[in-house]
Amino acid sequence: MSTVLIVALIVAFVIIVAAVLYTGPGRANGRGGRGGLKRRFGPEYERVVARHDGDTRAAERELTERVKRHGELRPRSLSEERREQYVAQWAGLQERFVDSPREAVKEADRLVAQLAEECGYPAGARYDDQVEALSVHHAHQVDGYRRVHEALPTAGAGTGTGTATDPGGTGTATNTDPGANTEPGTDDGTATAEGTADGARTGGAATTEELREAMVGARELFERLILARPEENEGGGDRPGGAGRDKTFSLRPKGSGV
């Protein structure tokens, strides 16, 4: 066998091995299989694996399906005017949190759902579908929205039963839910001392501190949606903190704690 033929066979073998390693299991989804999904979804990957009782194959099938359904979605950016309106309303909610944490969290949930819909994600009335789409593009922030949505299980948030005002800088919101402006506590909606005390529970409701943490988590997604440009979502989910934050916006008024 000639030296030239031996070299040619070696080169061919190397090329074949490299191709196999590159295409590897799961490469067909365009994200590099398990490693790609873990990088893309981060904490959301771990959450889905836990929900499937540690079955990574089932979790990865679910996440791969999410990418297929929502990966081609190209979020719309907001005009500067709309950004300013949303930021003003969020600032109002944060200030209201000091005196009415449950009402503020309830309206924050609706405001994030409305903002996501305006940015091109599924409507807030389709909460599960909206969260799945957001997880594909904002995997490191979506759990904050999930937490604020689940913080008040009796609030009816995200189901279309109440609406936040169209953002206009007023910092107020209207609601059609019965008893929407009352604290959970007694049957007539009167707040109890236990329900309003910082860190106390009423009938299993979230504590004030838990509501504050939920609000902070939701704010992270709110910021990403407010400041994101469509090109930032190319190639998958973003990272904590992310790029593109506009320092001219302040979403953290003094004294609110959120």
C-alpha atoms as a PDB file:
ATOM      1  CA  MET A   1       0.000   0.000   0.000  1.00  0.00           C
ATOM      2  CA  SER A   2       1.461   3.345  -1.027  1.00  0.00           C
ATOM      3  CA  THR A   3       2.188   6.114   1.447  1.00  0.00           C
ATOM      4  CA  VAL A   4      -0.256   8.395  -0.364  1.00  0.00           C
ATOM      5  CA  LEU A   5      -3.092   5.873   0.035  1.00  0.00           C
ATOM      6  CA  ILE A   6      -2.316   5.383   3.741  1.00  0.00           C
ATOM      7  CA  VAL A   7      -2.398   9.138   4.341  1.00  0.00           C
ATOM      8  CA  ALA A   8      -5.675   9.423   2.424  1.00  0.00           C
ATOM      9  CA  LEU A   9      -7.262   6.669   4.535  1.00  0.00           C
ATOM     10  CA  ILE A  10      -6.117   8.314   7.757  1.00  0.00           C
ATOM     11  CA  VAL A  11      -7.547  11.676   6.666  1.00  0.00           C
ATOM     12  CA  ALA A  12     -10.856  10.051   5.704  1.00  0.00           C
ATOM     13  CA  PHE A  13     -11.028   8.282   9.084  1.00  0.00           C
ATOM     14  CA  VAL A  14     -10.391  11.527  10.968  1.00  0.00           C
ATOM     15  CA  ILE A  15     -13.103  13.301   8.995  1.00  0.00           C
ATOM     16  CA  ILE A  16     -15.639  10.543   9.726  1.00  0.00           C
ATOM     17  CA  VAL A  17     -14.848  10.550  13.461  1.00  0.00           C
ATOM     18  CA  ALA A  18     -15.113  14.345  13.622  1.00  0.00           C
ATOM     19  CA  ALA A  19     -18.473  14.251  11.863  1.00  0.00           C
ATOM     20  CA  VAL A  20     -19.831  11.639  14.285  1.00  0.00           C
ATOM     21  CA  LEU A  21     -18.666  13.625  17.304  1.00  0.00           C
ATOM     22  CA  TYR A  22     -20.172  16.820  15.932  1.00  0.00           C
ATOM     23  CA  THR A  23     -23.583  15.399  15.074  1.00  0.00           C
ATOM     24  CA  GLY A  24     -23.723  13.292  18.287  1.00  0.00           C
ATOM     25  CA  PRO A  25     -26.960  12.296  20.034  1.00  0.00           C
ATOM     26  CA  GLY A  26     -29.529  15.067  20.090  1.00  0.00           C
ATOM     27  CA  ARG A  27     -27.579  17.364  17.771  1.00  0.00           C
ATOM     28  CA  ALA A  28     -30.474  17.338  15.389  1.00  0.00           C
ATOM     29  CA  ASN A  29     -32.376  19.785  17.582  1.00  0.00           C
ATOM     30  CA  GLY A  30     -29.797  22.439  16.690  1.00  0.00           C
ATOM     31  CA  ARG A  31     -28.770  23.014  20.302  1.00  0.00           C
ATOM     32  CA  GLY A  32     -26.142  20.339  20.874  1.00  0.00           C
ATOM     33  CA  GLY A  33     -28.289  17.810  22.709  1.00  0.00           C
ATOM     34  CA  ARG A  34     -28.312  17.710  26.493  1.00  0.00           C
ATOM     35  CA  GLY A  35     -25.423  20.118  26.949  1.00  0.00           C
ATOM     36  CA  GLY A  36     -27.057  22.637  24.630  1.00  0.00           C
ATOM     37  CA  LEU A  37     -30.402  22.402  26.391  1.00  0.00           C
ATOM     38  CA  LYS A  38     -28.788  22.865  29.804  1.00  0.00           C
ATOM     39  CA  ARG A  39     -26.916  25.933  28.581  1.00  0.00           C
ATOM     40  CA  ARG A  40     -29.974  27.381  26.926  1.00  0.00           C
ATOM     41  CA  PHE A  41     -32.477  26.815  29.729  1.00  0.00           C
ATOM     42  CA  GLY A  42     -30.236  27.009  32.804  1.00  0.00           C
ATOM     43  CA  PRO A  43     -32.406  26.933  35.964  1.00  0.00           C
ATOM     44  CA  GLU A  44     -35.477  26.149  33.863  1.00  0.00           C
ATOM     45  CA  TYR A  45     -33.770  22.916  32.754  1.00  0.00           C
ATOM     46  CA  GLU A  46     -33.295  21.846  36.371  1.00  0.00           C
ATOM     47  CA  ARG A  47     -36.880  22.760  37.221  1.00  0.00           C
ATOM     48  CA  VAL A  48     -38.287  20.649  34.399  1.00  0.00           C
ATOM     49  CA  VAL A  49     -36.030  17.701  35.284  1.00  0.00           C
ATOM     50  CA  ALA A  50     -37.258  17.897  38.891  1.00  0.00           C
ATOM     51  CA  ARG A  51     -40.876  18.010  37.715  1.00  0.00           C
ATOM     52  CA  HIS A  52     -40.214  14.814  35.761  1.00  0.00           C
ATOM     53  CA  ASP A  53     -38.805  13.196  38.936  1.00  0.00           C
ATOM     54  CA  GLY A  54     -35.254  13.261  37.615  1.00  0.00           C
ATOM     55  CA  ASP A  55     -36.082  11.770  34.213  1.00  0.00           C
ATOM     56  CA  THR A  56     -33.764  13.823  32.032  1.00  0.00           C
ATOM     57  CA  ARG A  57     -34.932  12.210  28.805  1.00  0.00           C
ATOM     58  CA  ALA A  58     -38.544  13.218  29.459  1.00  0.00           C
ATOM     59  CA  ALA A  59     -37.462  16.716  30.504  1.00  0.00           C
ATOM     60  CA  GLU A  60     -35.340  17.152  27.386  1.00  0.00           C
ATOM     61  CA  ARG A  61     -38.177  15.976  25.165  1.00  0.00           C
ATOM     62  CA  GLU A  62     -40.392  18.637  26.716  1.00  0.00           C
ATOM     63  CA  LEU A  63     -37.786  21.384  26.351  1.00  0.00           C
ATOM     64  CA  THR A  64     -36.964  20.367  22.784  1.00  0.00           C
ATOM     65  CA  GLU A  65     -40.668  20.576  21.957  1.00  0.00           C
ATOM     66  CA  ARG A  66     -40.780  24.064  23.461  1.00  0.00           C
ATOM     67  CA  VAL A  67     -37.930  25.156  21.210  1.00  0.00           C
ATOM     68  CA  LYS A  68     -39.736  23.717  18.182  1.00  0.00           C
ATOM     69  CA  ARG A  69     -42.955  25.570  19.063  1.00  0.00           C
ATOM     70  CA  HIS A  70     -41.542  28.904  20.163  1.00  0.00           C
ATOM     71  CA  GLY A  71     -37.926  29.105  19.011  1.00  0.00           C
ATOM     72  CA  GLU A  72     -38.809  30.945  15.795  1.00  0.00           C
ATOM     73  CA  LEU A  73     -40.811  33.603  17.643  1.00  0.00           C
ATOM     74  CA  ARG A  74     -39.289  37.032  17.082  1.00  0.00           C
ATOM     75  CA  PRO A  75     -40.358  39.351  19.924  1.00  0.00           C
ATOM     76  CA  ARG A  76     -41.341  42.893  19.043  1.00  0.00           C
ATOM     77  CA  SER A  77     -39.505  45.809  20.630  1.00  0.00           C
ATOM     78  CA  LEU A  78     -41.463  48.648  22.183  1.00  0.00           C
ATOM     79  CA  SER A  79     -41.378  52.273  21.191  1.00  0.00           C
ATOM     80  CA  GLU A  80     -39.667  54.639  23.611  1.00  0.00           C
ATOM     81  CA  GLU A  81     -43.053  56.086  24.542  1.00  0.00           C
ATOM     82  CA  ARG A  82     -44.494  52.685  25.417  1.00  0.00           C
ATOM     83  CA  ARG A  83     -41.419  51.812  27.450  1.00  0.00           C
ATOM     84  CA  GLU A  84     -41.741  54.972  29.481  1.00  0.00           C
ATOM     85  CA  GLN A  85     -45.433  54.268  30.076  1.00  0.00           C
ATOM     86  CA  TYR A  86     -44.776  50.727  31.278  1.00  0.00           C
ATOM     87  CA  VAL A  87     -41.877  51.824  33.489  1.00  0.00           C
ATOM     88  CA  ALA A  88     -44.031  54.529  35.091  1.00  0.00           C
ATOM     89  CA  GLN A  89     -46.783  52.033  35.874  1.00  0.00           C
ATOM     90  CA  TRP A  90     -44.328  49.492  37.310  1.00  0.00           C
ATOM     91  CA  ALA A  91     -42.824  52.212  39.517  1.00  0.00           C
ATOM     92  CA  GLY A  92     -46.317  52.963  40.771  1.00  0.00           C
ATOM     93  CA  LEU A  93     -46.856  49.316  41.652  1.00  0.00           C
ATOM     94  CA  GLN A  94     -43.585  49.173  43.561  1.00  0.00           C
ATOM     95  CA  GLU A  95     -44.531  52.233  45.582  1.00  0.00           C
ATOM     96  CA  ARG A  96     -47.972  50.749  46.285  1.00  0.00           C
ATOM     97  CA  PHE A  97     -46.320  47.576  47.536  1.00  0.00           C
ATOM     98  CA  VAL A  98     -45.393  49.351  50.789  1.00  0.00           C
ATOM     99  CA  ASP A  99     -49.044  49.721  51.822  1.00  0.00           C
ATOM    100  CA  SER A 100     -50.790  47.033  49.734  1.00  0.00           C
ATOM    101  CA  PRO A 101     -48.335  44.238  48.862  1.00  0.00           C
ATOM    102  CA  ARG A 102     -50.977  41.749  47.725  1.00  0.00           C
ATOM    103  CA  GLU A 103     -52.723  44.206  45.442  1.00  0.00           C
ATOM    104  CA  ALA A 104     -49.373  45.314  44.002  1.00  0.00           C
ATOM    105  CA  VAL A 105     -48.269  41.742  43.293  1.00  0.00           C
ATOM    106  CA  LYS A 106     -51.620  40.913  41.728  1.00  0.00           C
ATOM    107  CA  GLU A 107     -51.389  43.871  39.364  1.00  0.00           C
ATOM    108  CA  ALA A 108     -47.708  43.166  38.641  1.00  0.00           C
ATOM    109  CA  ASP A 109     -48.714  39.721  37.412  1.00  0.00           C
ATOM    110  CA  ARG A 110     -51.245  41.244  35.046  1.00  0.00           C
ATOM    111  CA  LEU A 111     -48.849  43.926  33.865  1.00  0.00           C
ATOM    112  CA  VAL A 112     -46.117  41.417  32.967  1.00  0.00           C
ATOM    113  CA  ALA A 113     -48.678  39.287  31.100  1.00  0.00           C
ATOM    114  CA  GLN A 114     -49.884  42.346  29.184  1.00  0.00           C
ATOM    115  CA  LEU A 115     -46.334  43.456  28.380  1.00  0.00           C
ATOM    116  CA  ALA A 116     -45.334  39.988  27.169  1.00  0.00           C
ATOM    117  CA  GLU A 117     -48.372  39.888  24.881  1.00  0.00           C
ATOM    118  CA  GLU A 118     -47.566  43.310  23.446  1.00  0.00           C
ATOM    119  CA  CYS A 119     -44.013  42.116  22.780  1.00  0.00           C
ATOM    120  CA  GLY A 120     -45.383  39.291  20.632  1.00  0.00           C
ATOM    121  CA  TYR A 121     -45.662  36.369  23.073  1.00  0.00           C
ATOM    122  CA  PRO A 122     -48.876  34.348  23.464  1.00  0.00           C
ATOM    123  CA  ALA A 123     -51.708  36.128  25.246  1.00  0.00           C
ATOM    124  CA  GLY A 124     -51.776  36.193  29.034  1.00  0.00           C
ATOM    125  CA  ALA A 125     -55.085  34.331  29.019  1.00  0.00           C
ATOM    126  CA  ARG A 126     -53.057  31.357  27.714  1.00  0.00           C
ATOM    127  CA  TYR A 127     -50.766  31.504  30.721  1.00  0.00           C
ATOM    128  CA  ASP A 128     -49.066  28.110  30.297  1.00  0.00           C
ATOM    129  CA  ASP A 129     -48.342  28.758  26.626  1.00  0.00           C
ATOM    130  CA  GLN A 130     -47.081  32.251  27.410  1.00  0.00           C
ATOM    131  CA  VAL A 131     -44.712  30.975  30.108  1.00  0.00           C
ATOM    132  CA  GLU A 132     -43.356  28.241  27.828  1.00  0.00           C
ATOM    133  CA  ALA A 133     -42.622  30.783  25.101  1.00  0.00           C
ATOM    134  CA  LEU A 134     -40.976  33.126  27.582  1.00  0.00           C
ATOM    135  CA  SER A 135     -38.862  30.258  28.925  1.00  0.00           C
ATOM    136  CA  VAL A 136     -37.391  29.697  25.466  1.00  0.00           C
ATOM    137  CA  HIS A 137     -36.286  33.323  25.148  1.00  0.00           C
ATOM    138  CA  HIS A 138     -35.835  34.390  28.785  1.00  0.00           C
ATOM    139  CA  ALA A 139     -35.067  31.146  30.588  1.00  0.00           C
ATOM    140  CA  HIS A 140     -33.134  32.831  33.385  1.00  0.00           C
ATOM    141  CA  GLN A 141     -35.919  35.272  34.270  1.00  0.00           C
ATOM    142  CA  VAL A 142     -39.172  33.409  33.576  1.00  0.00           C
ATOM    143  CA  ASP A 143     -39.369  31.790  37.002  1.00  0.00           C
ATOM    144  CA  GLY A 144     -39.818  35.238  38.559  1.00  0.00           C
ATOM    145  CA  TYR A 145     -43.012  35.679  36.535  1.00  0.00           C
ATOM    146  CA  ARG A 146     -44.123  32.196  37.544  1.00  0.00           C
ATOM    147  CA  ARG A 147     -43.574  32.995  41.214  1.00  0.00           C
ATOM    148  CA  VAL A 148     -45.508  36.258  41.130  1.00  0.00           C
ATOM    149  CA  HIS A 149     -48.346  34.523  39.271  1.00  0.00           C
ATOM    150  CA  GLU A 150     -48.547  31.780  41.893  1.00  0.00           C
ATOM    151  CA  ALA A 151     -48.033  34.038  44.920  1.00  0.00           C
ATOM    152  CA  LEU A 152     -51.748  34.781  45.199  1.00  0.00           C
ATOM    153  CA  PRO A 153     -53.569  31.616  44.101  1.00  0.00           C
ATOM    154  CA  THR A 154     -57.005  33.152  44.692  1.00  0.00           C
ATOM    155  CA  ALA A 155     -56.287  36.349  42.800  1.00  0.00           C
ATOM    156  CA  GLY A 156     -57.441  35.060  39.407  1.00  0.00           C
ATOM    157  CA  ALA A 157     -54.362  36.651  37.876  1.00  0.00           C
ATOM    158  CA  GLY A 158     -53.445  35.886  34.299  1.00  0.00           C
ATOM    159  CA  THR A 159     -56.833  34.399  33.453  1.00  0.00           C
ATOM    160  CA  GLY A 160     -58.454  37.451  31.964  1.00  0.00           C
ATOM    161  CA  THR A 161     -60.710  38.070  34.982  1.00  0.00           C
ATOM    162  CA  GLY A 162     -59.131  41.439  35.648  1.00  0.00           C
ATOM    163  CA  THR A 163     -57.178  43.945  33.621  1.00  0.00           C
ATOM    164  CA  ALA A 164     -54.356  46.324  34.356  1.00  0.00           C
ATOM    165  CA  THR A 165     -54.846  49.795  32.949  1.00  0.00           C
ATOM    166  CA  ASP A 166     -53.172  50.575  29.680  1.00  0.00           C
ATOM    167  CA  PRO A 167     -49.854  51.996  30.862  1.00  0.00           C
ATOM    168  CA  GLY A 168     -49.981  55.745  30.864  1.00  0.00           C
ATOM    169  CA  GLY A 169     -47.832  56.750  33.767  1.00  0.00           C
ATOM    170  CA  THR A 170     -50.718  57.044  36.229  1.00  0.00           C
ATOM    171  CA  GLY A 171     -49.562  54.151  38.391  1.00  0.00           C
ATOM    172  CA  THR A 172     -53.168  53.043  38.912  1.00  0.00           C
ATOM    173  CA  ALA A 173     -55.063  49.983  37.818  1.00  0.00           C
ATOM    174  CA  THR A 174     -58.679  48.928  37.528  1.00  0.00           C
ATOM    175  CA  ASN A 175     -60.064  45.494  38.242  1.00  0.00           C
ATOM    176  CA  THR A 176     -63.360  43.729  37.688  1.00  0.00           C
ATOM    177  CA  ASP A 177     -62.742  40.964  40.241  1.00  0.00           C
ATOM    178  CA  PRO A 178     -65.091  40.976  43.222  1.00  0.00           C
ATOM    179  CA  GLY A 179     -63.136  42.009  46.274  1.00  0.00           C
ATOM    180  CA  ALA A 180     -60.104  42.822  44.154  1.00  0.00           C
ATOM    181  CA  ASN A 181     -59.036  45.683  46.387  1.00  0.00           C
ATOM    182  CA  THR A 182     -59.405  43.840  49.663  1.00  0.00           C
ATOM    183  CA  GLU A 183     -56.850  41.892  51.590  1.00  0.00           C
ATOM    184  CA  PRO A 184     -57.459  38.157  52.010  1.00  0.00           C
ATOM    185  CA  GLY A 185     -58.600  37.437  55.520  1.00  0.00           C
ATOM    186  CA  THR A 186     -62.241  37.387  56.571  1.00  0.00           C
ATOM    187  CA  ASP A 187     -65.170  36.333  54.395  1.00  0.00           C
ATOM    188  CA  ASP A 188     -66.161  39.928  53.712  1.00  0.00           C
ATOM    189  CA  GLY A 189     -62.676  40.785  52.465  1.00  0.00           C
ATOM    190  CA  THR A 190     -61.633  42.603  55.625  1.00  0.00           C
ATOM    191  CA  ALA A 191     -57.907  42.216  56.200  1.00  0.00           C
ATOM    192  CA  THR A 192     -56.922  40.494  59.392  1.00  0.00           C
ATOM    193  CA  ALA A 193     -53.959  41.462  61.527  1.00  0.00           C
ATOM    194  CA  GLU A 194     -52.316  38.155  60.715  1.00  0.00           C
ATOM    195  CA  GLY A 195     -52.831  38.733  57.000  1.00  0.00           C
ATOM    196  CA  THR A 196     -51.226  42.155  56.988  1.00  0.00           C
ATOM    197  CA  ALA A 197     -48.367  41.615  59.401  1.00  0.00           C
ATOM    198  CA  ASP A 198     -44.957  41.367  57.770  1.00  0.00           C
ATOM    199  CA  GLY A 199     -43.964  37.729  57.510  1.00  0.00           C
ATOM    200  CA  ALA A 200     -47.301  36.357  58.760  1.00  0.00           C
ATOM    201  CA  ARG A 201     -49.588  33.929  56.955  1.00  0.00           C
ATOM    202  CA  THR A 202     -53.368  33.952  56.631  1.00  0.00           C
ATOM    203  CA  GLY A 203     -54.929  30.684  55.548  1.00  0.00           C
ATOM    204  CA  GLY A 204     -51.723  29.572  53.836  1.00  0.00           C
ATOM    205  CA  ALA A 205     -51.333  32.806  51.846  1.00  0.00           C
ATOM    206  CA  ALA A 206     -47.849  34.017  50.948  1.00  0.00           C
ATOM    207  CA  THR A 207     -46.079  36.124  53.528  1.00  0.00           C
ATOM    208  CA  THR A 208     -45.176  39.726  52.821  1.00  0.00           C
ATOM    209  CA  GLU A 209     -41.544  38.720  52.433  1.00  0.00           C
ATOM    210  CA  GLU A 210     -42.488  36.011  49.929  1.00  0.00           C
ATOM    211  CA  LEU A 211     -44.559  38.557  48.022  1.00  0.00           C
ATOM    212  CA  ARG A 212     -41.584  40.927  47.972  1.00  0.00           C
ATOM    213  CA  GLU A 213     -39.297  38.186  46.608  1.00  0.00           C
ATOM    214  CA  ALA A 214     -41.882  37.311  43.954  1.00  0.00           C
ATOM    215  CA  MET A 215     -42.124  40.968  42.942  1.00  0.00           C
ATOM    216  CA  VAL A 216     -38.335  41.233  42.634  1.00  0.00           C
ATOM    217  CA  GLY A 217     -38.271  38.110  40.458  1.00  0.00           C
ATOM    218  CA  ALA A 218     -41.031  39.408  38.201  1.00  0.00           C
ATOM    219  CA  ARG A 219     -39.194  42.712  37.848  1.00  0.00           C
ATOM    220  CA  GLU A 220     -36.221  40.918  36.289  1.00  0.00           C
ATOM    221  CA  LEU A 221     -38.385  39.575  33.461  1.00  0.00           C
ATOM    222  CA  PHE A 222     -40.176  42.917  33.191  1.00  0.00           C
ATOM    223  CA  GLU A 223     -36.826  44.642  32.651  1.00  0.00           C
ATOM    224  CA  ARG A 224     -35.776  42.139  30.009  1.00  0.00           C
ATOM    225  CA  LEU A 225     -39.039  42.604  28.091  1.00  0.00           C
ATOM    226  CA  ILE A 226     -38.920  46.386  28.390  1.00  0.00           C
ATOM    227  CA  LEU A 227     -35.331  46.726  27.206  1.00  0.00           C
ATOM    228  CA  ALA A 228     -34.928  43.765  24.847  1.00  0.00           C
ATOM    229  CA  ARG A 229     -34.307  44.163  21.147  1.00  0.00           C
ATOM    230  CA  PRO A 230     -35.354  41.336  18.788  1.00  0.00           C
ATOM    231  CA  GLU A 231     -31.740  40.613  17.834  1.00  0.00           C
ATOM    232  CA  GLU A 232     -30.864  39.905  21.494  1.00  0.00           C
ATOM    233  CA  ASN A 233     -32.962  36.740  21.319  1.00  0.00           C
ATOM    234  CA  GLU A 234     -31.113  35.254  18.368  1.00  0.00           C
ATOM    235  CA  GLY A 235     -29.635  31.880  19.241  1.00  0.00           C
ATOM    236  CA  GLY A 236     -31.580  31.106  22.371  1.00  0.00           C
ATOM    237  CA  GLY A 237     -32.096  32.199  25.948  1.00  0.00           C
ATOM    238  CA  ASP A 238     -30.303  35.009  27.655  1.00  0.00           C
ATOM    239  CA  ARG A 239     -28.124  35.058  30.736  1.00  0.00           C
ATOM    240  CA  PRO A 240     -28.684  36.512  34.194  1.00  0.00           C
ATOM    241  CA  GLY A 241     -28.404  40.287  34.079  1.00  0.00           C
ATOM    242  CA  GLY A 242     -28.110  40.168  30.303  1.00  0.00           C
ATOM    243  CA  ALA A 243     -26.957  42.875  27.971  1.00  0.00           C
ATOM    244  CA  GLY A 244     -28.761  45.924  26.753  1.00  0.00           C
ATOM    245  CA  ARG A 245     -29.952  47.414  30.039  1.00  0.00           C
ATOM    246  CA  ASP A 246     -30.913  51.028  29.581  1.00  0.00           C
ATOM    247  CA  LYS A 247     -29.495  52.996  32.484  1.00  0.00           C
ATOM    248  CA  THR A 248     -31.922  55.869  31.858  1.00  0.00           C
ATOM    249  CA  PHE A 249     -34.749  53.810  33.349  1.00  0.00           C
ATOM    250  CA  SER A 250     -35.028  53.381  37.116  1.00  0.00           C
ATOM    251  CA  LEU A 251     -37.310  50.551  38.215  1.00  0.00           C
ATOM    252  CA  ARG A 252     -36.377  50.643  41.893  1.00  0.00           C
ATOM    253  CA  PRO A 253     -37.830  53.595  43.777  1.00  0.00           C
ATOM    254  CA  LYS A 254     -36.355  54.247  47.198  1.00  0.00           C
ATOM    255  CA  GLY A 255     -38.238  52.781  50.138  1.00  0.00           C
ATOM    256  CA  SER A 256     -40.200  50.156  48.243  1.00  0.00           C
ATOM    257  CA  GLY A 257     -37.811  47.276  48.914  1.00  0.00           C
ATOM    258  CA  VAL A 258     -38.696  45.868  45.485  1.00  0.00           C
END
